[in-house]
């Protein structure tokens, strides 16, 4: 006859830290949110930070809310169309290319940059609407 050997249950041990010691924590890293979520997380659009406008960007007198909403709308449409990625780096690159097209590379004044970019984007939007209407209603 063979002898049957059964395993005996073992107790699980839990490692405990000495008193007064906290468990090691993972360092908190600040991960940049996607561009489309930036305003919800930071209570201001990314372009406020890009142009370094501070807290007065939304003032009715002297603020840039209209111009920034034009720029942000353009960028949002480019992201939704898949032309650029939904990241801060992609948006930075897009704004820099718009500045280059408008010869704003050496311009230090944010006021000038914002006004010129806003006017240029309004022009691009009008051009897009004309092309869309031509395609929609025909070439006649």
N, C-alpha and C. Protein backbone atom coordinates (compact mmCIF):
# COMPACT_ATOMS: atom_id res chain seq x y z
N UNK A 1 0.81 -1.16 0.00
CA UNK A 1 0.00 0.00 0.00
C UNK A 1 0.87 1.24 0.00
N UNK A 2 0.34 2.23 -0.68
CA UNK A 2 1.09 3.48 -0.72
C UNK A 2 0.54 4.45 0.31
N UNK A 3 1.43 5.19 0.82
CA UNK A 3 1.01 6.17 1.80
C UNK A 3 0.63 7.47 1.08
N UNK A 4 -0.47 8.06 1.47
CA UNK A 4 -0.93 9.30 0.89
C UNK A 4 -0.47 10.44 1.79
N UNK A 5 0.18 11.40 1.14
CA UNK A 5 0.66 12.55 1.89
C UNK A 5 -0.14 13.78 1.45
N UNK A 6 -0.71 14.43 2.40
CA UNK A 6 -1.48 15.65 2.11
C UNK A 6 -0.64 16.86 2.49
N UNK A 7 -0.82 17.89 1.74
CA UNK A 7 -0.15 19.13 2.09
C UNK A 7 -0.86 19.80 3.25
N UNK A 8 -0.09 20.41 4.05
CA UNK A 8 -0.70 21.14 5.15
C UNK A 8 -0.83 22.60 4.74
N UNK A 9 -1.93 23.24 5.07
CA UNK A 9 -2.10 24.63 4.69
C UNK A 9 -1.08 25.51 5.40
N UNK A 10 -0.59 26.49 4.64
CA UNK A 10 0.35 27.43 5.24
C UNK A 10 -0.33 28.77 5.40
N UNK A 11 0.06 29.47 6.40
CA UNK A 11 -0.53 30.78 6.63
C UNK A 11 0.21 31.81 5.79
N UNK A 12 -0.53 32.72 5.21
CA UNK A 12 0.09 33.79 4.44
C UNK A 12 0.63 34.82 5.41
N UNK A 13 1.82 35.25 5.12
CA UNK A 13 2.41 36.27 5.97
C UNK A 13 2.33 37.61 5.27
N UNK A 14 2.06 38.61 6.03
CA UNK A 14 1.98 39.96 5.50
C UNK A 14 3.16 40.73 6.06
N UNK A 15 3.93 41.31 5.16
CA UNK A 15 5.05 42.11 5.61
C UNK A 15 4.52 43.41 6.19
N UNK A 16 4.96 43.71 7.36
CA UNK A 16 4.55 44.96 7.98
C UNK A 16 5.77 45.84 8.12
N UNK A 17 5.52 47.11 8.04
CA UNK A 17 6.59 48.08 8.18
C UNK A 17 6.78 48.39 9.65
N UNK A 18 7.99 48.71 10.03
CA UNK A 18 8.18 49.12 11.42
C UNK A 18 7.34 50.35 11.72
N UNK A 19 6.97 50.49 12.97
CA UNK A 19 6.11 51.62 13.33
C UNK A 19 6.83 52.94 13.04
N UNK A 20 6.04 53.91 12.59
CA UNK A 20 6.60 55.20 12.26
C UNK A 20 7.10 55.30 10.84
N UNK A 21 7.05 54.24 10.10
CA UNK A 21 7.50 54.25 8.71
C UNK A 21 6.28 54.18 7.80
N UNK A 22 6.26 55.00 6.79
CA UNK A 22 5.19 54.96 5.81
C UNK A 22 5.63 54.10 4.64
N UNK A 23 4.66 53.55 3.98
CA UNK A 23 4.97 52.76 2.79
C UNK A 23 5.55 53.69 1.74
N UNK A 24 6.53 53.20 0.99
CA UNK A 24 7.09 54.07 -0.05
C UNK A 24 6.01 54.43 -1.07
N UNK A 25 5.99 55.69 -1.44
CA UNK A 25 4.99 56.14 -2.40
C UNK A 25 5.66 56.44 -3.72
N UNK A 26 4.86 56.32 -4.75
CA UNK A 26 5.34 56.65 -6.09
C UNK A 26 5.41 58.17 -6.20
N UNK A 27 6.43 58.69 -6.82
CA UNK A 27 6.48 60.14 -6.98
C UNK A 27 5.34 60.61 -7.89
N UNK A 28 4.76 61.72 -7.52
CA UNK A 28 3.67 62.27 -8.31
C UNK A 28 4.28 63.02 -9.48
N UNK A 29 3.87 62.65 -10.66
CA UNK A 29 4.36 63.33 -11.85
C UNK A 29 3.20 64.09 -12.47
N UNK A 30 3.50 65.26 -12.94
CA UNK A 30 2.47 66.06 -13.61
C UNK A 30 2.43 65.67 -15.07
N UNK A 31 1.37 65.01 -15.44
CA UNK A 31 1.18 64.59 -16.81
C UNK A 31 0.32 65.63 -17.50
N UNK A 32 0.81 66.10 -18.64
CA UNK A 32 0.03 67.10 -19.37
C UNK A 32 -1.24 66.47 -19.91
N UNK A 33 -2.37 67.14 -19.71
CA UNK A 33 -3.61 66.61 -20.27
C UNK A 33 -3.63 66.82 -21.78
N UNK A 34 -4.46 66.07 -22.48
CA UNK A 34 -4.63 66.35 -23.91
C UNK A 34 -5.16 67.78 -24.08
N UNK A 35 -4.91 68.35 -25.24
CA UNK A 35 -5.29 69.75 -25.48
C UNK A 35 -6.78 69.98 -25.23
N UNK A 36 -7.62 69.07 -25.70
CA UNK A 36 -9.07 69.27 -25.58
C UNK A 36 -9.54 69.20 -24.13
N UNK A 37 -8.75 68.63 -23.23
CA UNK A 37 -9.11 68.56 -21.82
C UNK A 37 -8.39 69.60 -20.97
N UNK A 38 -7.51 70.36 -21.57
CA UNK A 38 -6.67 71.29 -20.83
C UNK A 38 -7.49 72.35 -20.09
N UNK A 39 -8.45 72.94 -20.76
CA UNK A 39 -9.22 74.02 -20.15
C UNK A 39 -10.06 73.51 -18.98
N UNK A 40 -10.60 72.30 -19.09
CA UNK A 40 -11.40 71.75 -18.00
C UNK A 40 -10.54 71.50 -16.76
N UNK A 41 -9.30 71.10 -16.95
CA UNK A 41 -8.42 70.82 -15.81
C UNK A 41 -7.79 72.07 -15.23
N UNK A 42 -7.50 73.06 -16.04
CA UNK A 42 -6.74 74.22 -15.58
C UNK A 42 -7.55 75.51 -15.51
N UNK A 43 -8.82 75.47 -15.82
CA UNK A 43 -9.72 76.63 -15.77
C UNK A 43 -9.31 77.76 -16.71
N UNK A 44 -8.49 77.46 -17.69
CA UNK A 44 -8.13 78.44 -18.72
C UNK A 44 -7.62 77.66 -19.93
N UNK A 45 -7.81 78.22 -21.12
CA UNK A 45 -7.31 77.52 -22.30
C UNK A 45 -5.78 77.51 -22.34
N UNK A 46 -5.24 76.55 -23.06
CA UNK A 46 -3.78 76.43 -23.16
C UNK A 46 -3.16 77.68 -23.78
N UNK A 47 -3.87 78.32 -24.69
CA UNK A 47 -3.30 79.49 -25.37
C UNK A 47 -3.00 80.63 -24.39
N UNK A 48 -3.70 80.68 -23.26
CA UNK A 48 -3.40 81.69 -22.23
C UNK A 48 -1.99 81.46 -21.70
N UNK A 49 -1.66 80.20 -21.48
CA UNK A 49 -0.31 79.87 -21.02
C UNK A 49 0.72 80.08 -22.14
N UNK A 50 0.38 79.68 -23.34
CA UNK A 50 1.31 79.81 -24.46
C UNK A 50 1.73 81.26 -24.67
N UNK A 51 0.75 82.15 -24.64
CA UNK A 51 1.04 83.57 -24.86
C UNK A 51 1.38 84.32 -23.56
N UNK A 52 1.40 83.61 -22.45
CA UNK A 52 1.76 84.16 -21.14
C UNK A 52 0.92 85.39 -20.81
N UNK A 53 -0.40 85.19 -20.75
CA UNK A 53 -1.32 86.31 -20.56
C UNK A 53 -1.69 86.57 -19.11
N UNK A 54 -1.39 85.64 -18.21
CA UNK A 54 -1.73 85.85 -16.81
C UNK A 54 -3.21 85.66 -16.53
N UNK A 55 -3.70 86.37 -15.52
CA UNK A 55 -5.08 86.17 -15.07
C UNK A 55 -6.09 87.10 -15.72
N UNK A 56 -5.65 88.12 -16.42
CA UNK A 56 -6.57 89.11 -16.97
C UNK A 56 -6.97 88.84 -18.41
N UNK A 57 -6.76 87.65 -18.90
CA UNK A 57 -7.03 87.34 -20.30
C UNK A 57 -8.52 87.40 -20.64
N UNK A 58 -9.39 87.19 -19.66
CA UNK A 58 -10.83 87.14 -19.94
C UNK A 58 -11.54 88.44 -19.59
N UNK A 59 -10.80 89.47 -19.20
CA UNK A 59 -11.44 90.75 -18.87
C UNK A 59 -12.18 91.29 -20.09
N UNK A 60 -13.32 91.94 -19.83
CA UNK A 60 -14.10 92.50 -20.93
C UNK A 60 -13.37 93.66 -21.59
N UNK A 61 -12.64 94.44 -20.79
CA UNK A 61 -11.85 95.54 -21.33
C UNK A 61 -10.39 95.12 -21.26
N UNK A 62 -9.77 95.03 -22.41
CA UNK A 62 -8.36 94.68 -22.45
C UNK A 62 -8.07 93.20 -22.44
N UNK A 63 -9.10 92.37 -22.45
CA UNK A 63 -8.92 90.93 -22.47
C UNK A 63 -8.86 90.39 -23.89
N UNK A 64 -8.63 89.11 -23.99
CA UNK A 64 -8.48 88.47 -25.31
C UNK A 64 -9.42 87.30 -25.50
N UNK A 65 -10.54 87.28 -24.81
CA UNK A 65 -11.40 86.10 -24.87
C UNK A 65 -11.92 85.83 -26.28
N UNK A 66 -12.29 86.85 -27.04
CA UNK A 66 -12.80 86.67 -28.39
C UNK A 66 -11.71 86.12 -29.32
N UNK A 67 -10.54 86.73 -29.26
CA UNK A 67 -9.44 86.30 -30.13
C UNK A 67 -8.98 84.88 -29.78
N UNK A 68 -8.87 84.61 -28.47
CA UNK A 68 -8.45 83.27 -28.05
C UNK A 68 -9.48 82.21 -28.40
N UNK A 69 -10.76 82.55 -28.33
CA UNK A 69 -11.77 81.56 -28.71
C UNK A 69 -11.70 81.27 -30.21
N UNK A 70 -11.34 82.26 -31.01
CA UNK A 70 -11.14 82.03 -32.45
C UNK A 70 -9.97 81.08 -32.68
N UNK A 71 -8.86 81.35 -32.01
CA UNK A 71 -7.67 80.50 -32.16
C UNK A 71 -7.94 79.10 -31.63
N UNK A 72 -8.57 79.00 -30.45
CA UNK A 72 -8.86 77.69 -29.86
C UNK A 72 -9.85 76.90 -30.71
N UNK A 73 -10.83 77.57 -31.28
CA UNK A 73 -11.79 76.89 -32.15
C UNK A 73 -11.12 76.31 -33.39
N UNK A 74 -10.21 77.07 -33.95
CA UNK A 74 -9.46 76.60 -35.12
C UNK A 74 -8.64 75.36 -34.78
N UNK A 75 -7.94 75.42 -33.65
CA UNK A 75 -7.11 74.28 -33.24
C UNK A 75 -7.98 73.07 -32.93
N UNK A 76 -9.10 73.30 -32.26
CA UNK A 76 -10.02 72.20 -31.93
C UNK A 76 -10.53 71.53 -33.21
N UNK A 77 -10.88 72.33 -34.21
CA UNK A 77 -11.35 71.77 -35.49
C UNK A 77 -10.25 70.97 -36.18
N UNK A 78 -9.00 71.46 -36.10
CA UNK A 78 -7.87 70.73 -36.70
C UNK A 78 -7.67 69.38 -36.00
N UNK A 79 -7.84 69.35 -34.69
CA UNK A 79 -7.68 68.11 -33.92
C UNK A 79 -8.81 67.14 -34.29
N UNK A 80 -10.04 67.63 -34.30
CA UNK A 80 -11.19 66.77 -34.61
C UNK A 80 -11.14 66.25 -36.04
N UNK A 81 -10.54 67.02 -36.95
CA UNK A 81 -10.41 66.57 -38.34
C UNK A 81 -9.25 65.59 -38.50
N UNK A 82 -8.42 65.48 -37.46
CA UNK A 82 -7.28 64.56 -37.53
C UNK A 82 -6.05 65.16 -38.18
N UNK A 83 -6.04 66.46 -38.38
CA UNK A 83 -4.90 67.12 -39.00
C UNK A 83 -3.71 67.24 -38.05
N UNK A 84 -4.00 67.42 -36.75
CA UNK A 84 -2.94 67.46 -35.75
C UNK A 84 -3.37 66.59 -34.57
N UNK A 85 -2.40 66.20 -33.76
CA UNK A 85 -2.69 65.37 -32.60
C UNK A 85 -3.29 66.17 -31.46
N UNK A 86 -3.90 65.47 -30.54
CA UNK A 86 -4.54 66.08 -29.38
C UNK A 86 -3.55 66.19 -28.23
N UNK A 87 -2.41 66.81 -28.48
CA UNK A 87 -1.41 66.97 -27.44
C UNK A 87 -0.93 68.41 -27.42
N UNK A 88 -0.38 68.79 -26.30
CA UNK A 88 0.12 70.15 -26.14
C UNK A 88 1.27 70.40 -27.12
N UNK A 89 2.13 69.40 -27.29
CA UNK A 89 3.26 69.56 -28.22
C UNK A 89 2.80 69.78 -29.65
N UNK A 90 1.76 69.05 -30.07
CA UNK A 90 1.23 69.22 -31.42
C UNK A 90 0.63 70.61 -31.60
N UNK A 91 -0.04 71.10 -30.57
CA UNK A 91 -0.65 72.42 -30.63
C UNK A 91 0.42 73.51 -30.65
N UNK A 92 1.48 73.33 -29.85
CA UNK A 92 2.60 74.29 -29.88
C UNK A 92 3.17 74.38 -31.29
N UNK A 93 3.38 73.21 -31.90
CA UNK A 93 3.94 73.18 -33.25
C UNK A 93 3.01 73.87 -34.24
N UNK A 94 1.70 73.67 -34.10
CA UNK A 94 0.73 74.31 -34.99
C UNK A 94 0.75 75.82 -34.83
N UNK A 95 0.78 76.29 -33.59
CA UNK A 95 0.81 77.74 -33.36
C UNK A 95 2.11 78.33 -33.90
N UNK A 96 3.21 77.64 -33.69
CA UNK A 96 4.50 78.13 -34.21
C UNK A 96 4.49 78.19 -35.73
N UNK A 97 3.84 77.21 -36.38
CA UNK A 97 3.78 77.26 -37.85
C UNK A 97 2.89 78.41 -38.31
N UNK A 98 1.82 78.70 -37.58
CA UNK A 98 0.97 79.85 -37.91
C UNK A 98 1.74 81.16 -37.72
N UNK A 99 2.55 81.21 -36.67
CA UNK A 99 3.37 82.40 -36.46
C UNK A 99 4.39 82.57 -37.58
N UNK A 100 4.94 81.47 -38.04
CA UNK A 100 5.94 81.53 -39.12
C UNK A 100 5.30 82.02 -40.41
N UNK A 101 4.11 81.50 -40.73
CA UNK A 101 3.40 81.90 -41.94
C UNK A 101 3.10 83.40 -41.91
N UNK A 102 2.82 83.92 -40.73
CA UNK A 102 2.46 85.33 -40.58
C UNK A 102 3.64 86.21 -40.21
N UNK A 103 4.84 85.69 -40.36
CA UNK A 103 6.07 86.44 -40.10
C UNK A 103 6.10 87.04 -38.69
N UNK A 104 5.72 86.23 -37.70
CA UNK A 104 5.69 86.68 -36.31
C UNK A 104 6.79 86.06 -35.46
N UNK A 105 7.74 85.40 -36.12
CA UNK A 105 8.77 84.69 -35.38
C UNK A 105 9.58 85.60 -34.46
N UNK A 106 9.90 86.77 -34.86
CA UNK A 106 10.70 87.69 -34.06
C UNK A 106 9.87 88.61 -33.18
N UNK A 107 8.56 88.50 -33.26
CA UNK A 107 7.68 89.40 -32.52
C UNK A 107 7.59 88.96 -31.06
N UNK A 108 7.86 89.89 -30.15
CA UNK A 108 7.82 89.58 -28.72
C UNK A 108 6.49 89.95 -28.07
N UNK A 109 5.74 90.85 -28.69
CA UNK A 109 4.49 91.32 -28.09
C UNK A 109 3.36 90.32 -28.34
N UNK A 110 2.83 89.79 -27.25
CA UNK A 110 1.74 88.82 -27.35
C UNK A 110 0.49 89.44 -27.97
N UNK A 111 0.27 90.71 -27.72
CA UNK A 111 -0.90 91.41 -28.26
C UNK A 111 -0.90 91.34 -29.78
N UNK A 112 0.24 91.61 -30.37
CA UNK A 112 0.36 91.59 -31.84
C UNK A 112 0.16 90.17 -32.35
N UNK A 113 0.80 89.21 -31.72
CA UNK A 113 0.67 87.81 -32.15
C UNK A 113 -0.78 87.36 -32.13
N UNK A 114 -1.46 87.64 -31.02
CA UNK A 114 -2.85 87.18 -30.87
C UNK A 114 -3.75 87.84 -31.90
N UNK A 115 -3.61 89.14 -32.10
CA UNK A 115 -4.46 89.86 -33.06
C UNK A 115 -4.23 89.36 -34.49
N UNK A 116 -2.96 89.19 -34.87
CA UNK A 116 -2.65 88.75 -36.23
C UNK A 116 -3.13 87.32 -36.44
N UNK A 117 -2.86 86.43 -35.49
CA UNK A 117 -3.29 85.04 -35.64
C UNK A 117 -4.81 84.93 -35.69
N UNK A 118 -5.50 85.69 -34.87
CA UNK A 118 -6.96 85.67 -34.87
C UNK A 118 -7.51 86.13 -36.22
N UNK A 119 -6.96 87.22 -36.76
CA UNK A 119 -7.41 87.72 -38.07
C UNK A 119 -7.09 86.71 -39.17
N UNK A 120 -5.92 86.08 -39.10
CA UNK A 120 -5.54 85.09 -40.10
C UNK A 120 -6.47 83.88 -40.05
N UNK A 121 -6.80 83.45 -38.86
CA UNK A 121 -7.69 82.29 -38.72
C UNK A 121 -9.10 82.63 -39.20
N UNK A 122 -9.55 83.85 -38.95
CA UNK A 122 -10.85 84.27 -39.49
C UNK A 122 -10.83 84.21 -41.02
N UNK A 123 -9.73 84.64 -41.61
CA UNK A 123 -9.56 84.56 -43.06
C UNK A 123 -9.62 83.10 -43.52
N UNK A 124 -8.89 82.22 -42.84
CA UNK A 124 -8.89 80.80 -43.21
C UNK A 124 -10.29 80.20 -43.10
N UNK A 125 -11.03 80.58 -42.06
CA UNK A 125 -12.39 80.08 -41.89
C UNK A 125 -13.32 80.56 -43.00
N UNK A 126 -13.17 81.82 -43.40
CA UNK A 126 -13.98 82.34 -44.52
C UNK A 126 -13.65 81.61 -45.81
N UNK A 127 -12.37 81.37 -46.03
CA UNK A 127 -11.93 80.65 -47.22
C UNK A 127 -12.50 79.23 -47.23
N UNK A 128 -12.49 78.58 -46.08
CA UNK A 128 -13.03 77.23 -45.97
C UNK A 128 -14.53 77.23 -46.25
N UNK A 129 -15.23 78.23 -45.75
CA UNK A 129 -16.68 78.33 -45.99
C UNK A 129 -16.98 78.53 -47.47
N UNK A 130 -16.16 79.33 -48.15
CA UNK A 130 -16.36 79.55 -49.59
C UNK A 130 -16.17 78.24 -50.34
N UNK A 131 -15.11 77.53 -50.03
CA UNK A 131 -14.86 76.26 -50.71
C UNK A 131 -15.96 75.24 -50.42
N UNK A 132 -16.42 75.20 -49.18
CA UNK A 132 -17.49 74.27 -48.81
C UNK A 132 -18.76 74.61 -49.56
N UNK A 133 -19.10 75.88 -49.66
CA UNK A 133 -20.30 76.28 -50.39
C UNK A 133 -20.19 75.97 -51.87
N UNK A 134 -19.00 76.17 -52.45
CA UNK A 134 -18.81 75.85 -53.85
C UNK A 134 -18.99 74.36 -54.10
N UNK A 135 -18.46 73.55 -53.21
CA UNK A 135 -18.61 72.10 -53.38
C UNK A 135 -20.05 71.67 -53.16
N UNK A 136 -20.72 72.36 -52.23
CA UNK A 136 -22.10 72.00 -51.90
C UNK A 136 -23.07 72.43 -52.99
N UNK A 137 -22.92 73.63 -53.52
CA UNK A 137 -23.85 74.17 -54.47
C UNK A 137 -23.41 74.06 -55.92
N UNK A 138 -22.26 73.52 -56.15
CA UNK A 138 -21.78 73.33 -57.52
C UNK A 138 -20.88 74.46 -57.95
N UNK A 139 -20.29 74.27 -59.10
CA UNK A 139 -19.34 75.24 -59.63
C UNK A 139 -19.96 76.22 -60.60
N UNK A 140 -21.25 76.30 -60.65
CA UNK A 140 -21.86 77.18 -61.64
C UNK A 140 -22.03 78.58 -61.17
